[in-house]
Amino acid sequence: MNERRPQGAALNAMVTAVALMVVGAIFLLRNLDLLDLGSQWWALFLLIPLLYLGSRIVELRSRNRGKIPPAARGMLIGFLSVALVMLIFLLRLDWGDVWPLFIILAGVSFLFGRTEDGAGQGPPPAGPGSDGP
């Protein structure tokens, strides 16, 4: 029973394995007092979805000849959102000071939501047999 997994599934499994090893190593270093993370150590668990999302974005980008396809754009915004929250916790930033970053991220989301071919923007053009204006 030597079933072959698709290349994307193998990449995702590898990234998940590496994420777990990195998080485990960080916790080991913390337990041995070689790394001081303070009381916000739990925010490192956010590395797991970040690494997964990053691998999916890279996979979709490579399938699309270097361009970020629309399917990966939402993942990229999710990646940036989770990374921002993790950094706010790890750096102990004041939410009252950094909340405008989320407005900036929303603007980036709108920019990434636009497609190069204009698809999804406005009504479709009227066809030859339609009763359009």
Protein backbone atom coordinates (compact mmCIF):
# COMPACT_ATOMS: atom_id res chain seq x y z
CA MET A 1 0.00 0.00 0.00
CA ASN A 2 2.30 2.68 -1.27
CA GLU A 3 -0.13 5.45 -2.18
CA ARG A 4 1.38 8.66 -3.41
CA ARG A 5 0.10 11.89 -1.95
CA PRO A 6 -0.29 14.95 -4.15
CA GLN A 7 2.66 17.33 -4.02
CA GLY A 8 0.63 19.97 -2.13
CA ALA A 9 -0.39 17.49 0.56
CA ALA A 10 3.23 16.42 1.03
CA LEU A 11 4.31 20.05 1.37
CA ASN A 12 1.56 20.74 3.91
CA ALA A 13 2.53 17.67 5.94
CA MET A 14 6.17 18.77 5.92
CA VAL A 15 5.31 22.32 6.98
CA THR A 16 3.08 21.03 9.77
CA ALA A 17 5.87 18.76 10.99
CA VAL A 18 8.41 21.60 10.91
CA ALA A 19 5.97 23.91 12.71
CA LEU A 20 5.48 21.41 15.50
CA MET A 21 9.24 20.87 15.81
CA VAL A 22 9.92 24.62 15.93
CA VAL A 23 7.24 25.23 18.56
CA GLY A 24 8.51 22.24 20.57
CA ALA A 25 12.10 23.53 20.38
CA ILE A 26 11.02 26.98 21.53
CA PHE A 27 9.17 25.52 24.51
CA LEU A 28 12.17 23.33 25.35
CA LEU A 29 14.48 26.35 25.29
CA ARG A 30 11.99 28.22 27.46
CA ASN A 31 11.80 25.36 29.98
CA LEU A 32 15.61 25.20 30.16
CA ASP A 33 15.70 28.97 30.86
CA LEU A 34 17.63 29.57 27.65
CA LEU A 35 14.87 31.69 26.14
CA ASP A 36 12.77 34.24 28.02
CA LEU A 37 9.38 34.90 26.46
CA GLY A 38 7.71 36.38 29.51
CA SER A 39 4.04 35.71 30.06
CA GLN A 40 3.09 35.90 26.36
CA TRP A 41 4.68 32.57 25.37
CA TRP A 42 1.32 31.11 24.36
CA ALA A 43 1.18 33.46 21.35
CA LEU A 44 3.79 31.22 19.71
CA PHE A 45 1.05 28.66 19.08
CA LEU A 46 -0.03 31.06 16.33
CA LEU A 47 3.08 29.99 14.41
CA ILE A 48 1.33 26.74 13.51
CA PRO A 49 -1.45 28.31 11.40
CA LEU A 50 1.02 30.90 10.09
CA LEU A 51 3.34 28.24 8.73
CA TYR A 52 0.41 26.33 7.24
CA LEU A 53 -1.01 29.44 5.55
CA GLY A 54 2.45 30.40 4.32
CA SER A 55 3.00 27.00 2.74
CA ARG A 56 -0.40 27.12 1.01
CA ILE A 57 0.31 30.61 -0.35
CA VAL A 58 3.70 29.51 -1.70
CA GLU A 59 2.14 26.39 -3.22
CA LEU A 60 -0.64 28.32 -4.98
CA ARG A 61 1.81 30.97 -6.15
CA SER A 62 4.13 28.36 -7.67
CA ARG A 63 1.20 26.73 -9.47
CA ASN A 64 0.28 30.13 -10.93
CA ARG A 65 3.76 30.84 -12.37
CA GLY A 66 4.83 33.33 -9.69
CA LYS A 67 1.60 35.33 -9.51
CA ILE A 68 -0.59 35.35 -6.42
CA PRO A 69 -3.93 33.87 -7.54
CA PRO A 70 -7.22 35.15 -6.12
CA ALA A 71 -7.56 31.98 -4.00
CA ALA A 72 -4.30 32.82 -2.21
CA ARG A 73 -5.09 36.49 -1.65
CA GLY A 74 -7.56 35.78 1.13
CA MET A 75 -5.04 33.42 2.72
CA LEU A 76 -2.41 36.16 2.54
CA ILE A 77 -4.67 38.60 4.38
CA GLY A 78 -5.41 35.91 6.98
CA PHE A 79 -1.66 35.28 7.31
CA LEU A 80 -0.98 39.00 7.85
CA SER A 81 -3.82 39.29 10.37
CA VAL A 82 -2.64 36.36 12.49
CA ALA A 83 0.98 37.54 12.28
CA LEU A 84 -0.05 41.02 13.41
CA VAL A 85 -1.98 39.69 16.41
CA MET A 86 0.92 37.41 17.36
CA LEU A 87 3.41 40.28 17.21
CA ILE A 88 1.15 42.54 19.27
CA PHE A 89 1.04 39.91 22.01
CA LEU A 90 4.71 38.93 21.86
CA LEU A 91 5.97 42.52 21.85
CA ARG A 92 3.42 43.51 24.50
CA LEU A 93 2.15 46.41 22.41
CA ASP A 94 -0.82 48.44 23.56
CA TRP A 95 -3.91 47.65 21.48
CA GLY A 96 -4.97 51.28 21.89
CA ASP A 97 -1.83 52.38 20.05
CA VAL A 98 -1.74 49.82 17.25
CA TRP A 99 -5.41 49.44 16.27
CA PRO A 100 -4.92 51.58 13.11
CA LEU A 101 -2.78 48.74 11.74
CA PHE A 102 -5.99 46.75 11.30
CA ILE A 103 -7.49 49.58 9.21
CA ILE A 104 -4.34 49.55 7.07
CA LEU A 105 -4.69 45.77 6.74
CA ALA A 106 -8.30 46.22 5.62
CA GLY A 107 -7.06 48.60 2.89
CA VAL A 108 -4.48 46.05 1.81
CA SER A 109 -7.28 43.48 1.70
CA PHE A 110 -9.28 45.67 -0.66
CA LEU A 111 -6.25 46.09 -2.92
CA PHE A 112 -5.61 42.35 -3.02
CA GLY A 113 -9.31 41.73 -3.66
CA ARG A 114 -9.00 43.39 -7.06
CA THR A 115 -8.10 41.03 -9.86
CA GLU A 116 -5.85 41.80 -12.80
CA ASP A 117 -8.48 40.97 -15.41
CA GLY A 118 -11.20 43.04 -13.70
CA ALA A 119 -13.34 39.99 -12.89
CA GLY A 120 -15.77 40.53 -10.09
CA GLN A 121 -15.94 44.30 -10.59
CA GLY A 122 -19.35 45.54 -11.60
CA PRO A 123 -22.04 43.83 -13.67
CA PRO A 124 -21.06 41.57 -16.57
CA PRO A 125 -21.06 43.19 -20.02
CA ALA A 126 -24.24 42.90 -22.02
CA GLY A 127 -24.18 40.14 -24.60
CA PRO A 128 -25.35 40.40 -28.22
CA GLY A 129 -28.83 39.02 -27.45
CA SER A 130 -29.45 40.88 -24.18
CA ASP A 131 -31.82 43.77 -23.62
CA GLY A 132 -29.12 45.92 -22.03
CA PRO A 133 -28.95 49.74 -22.37
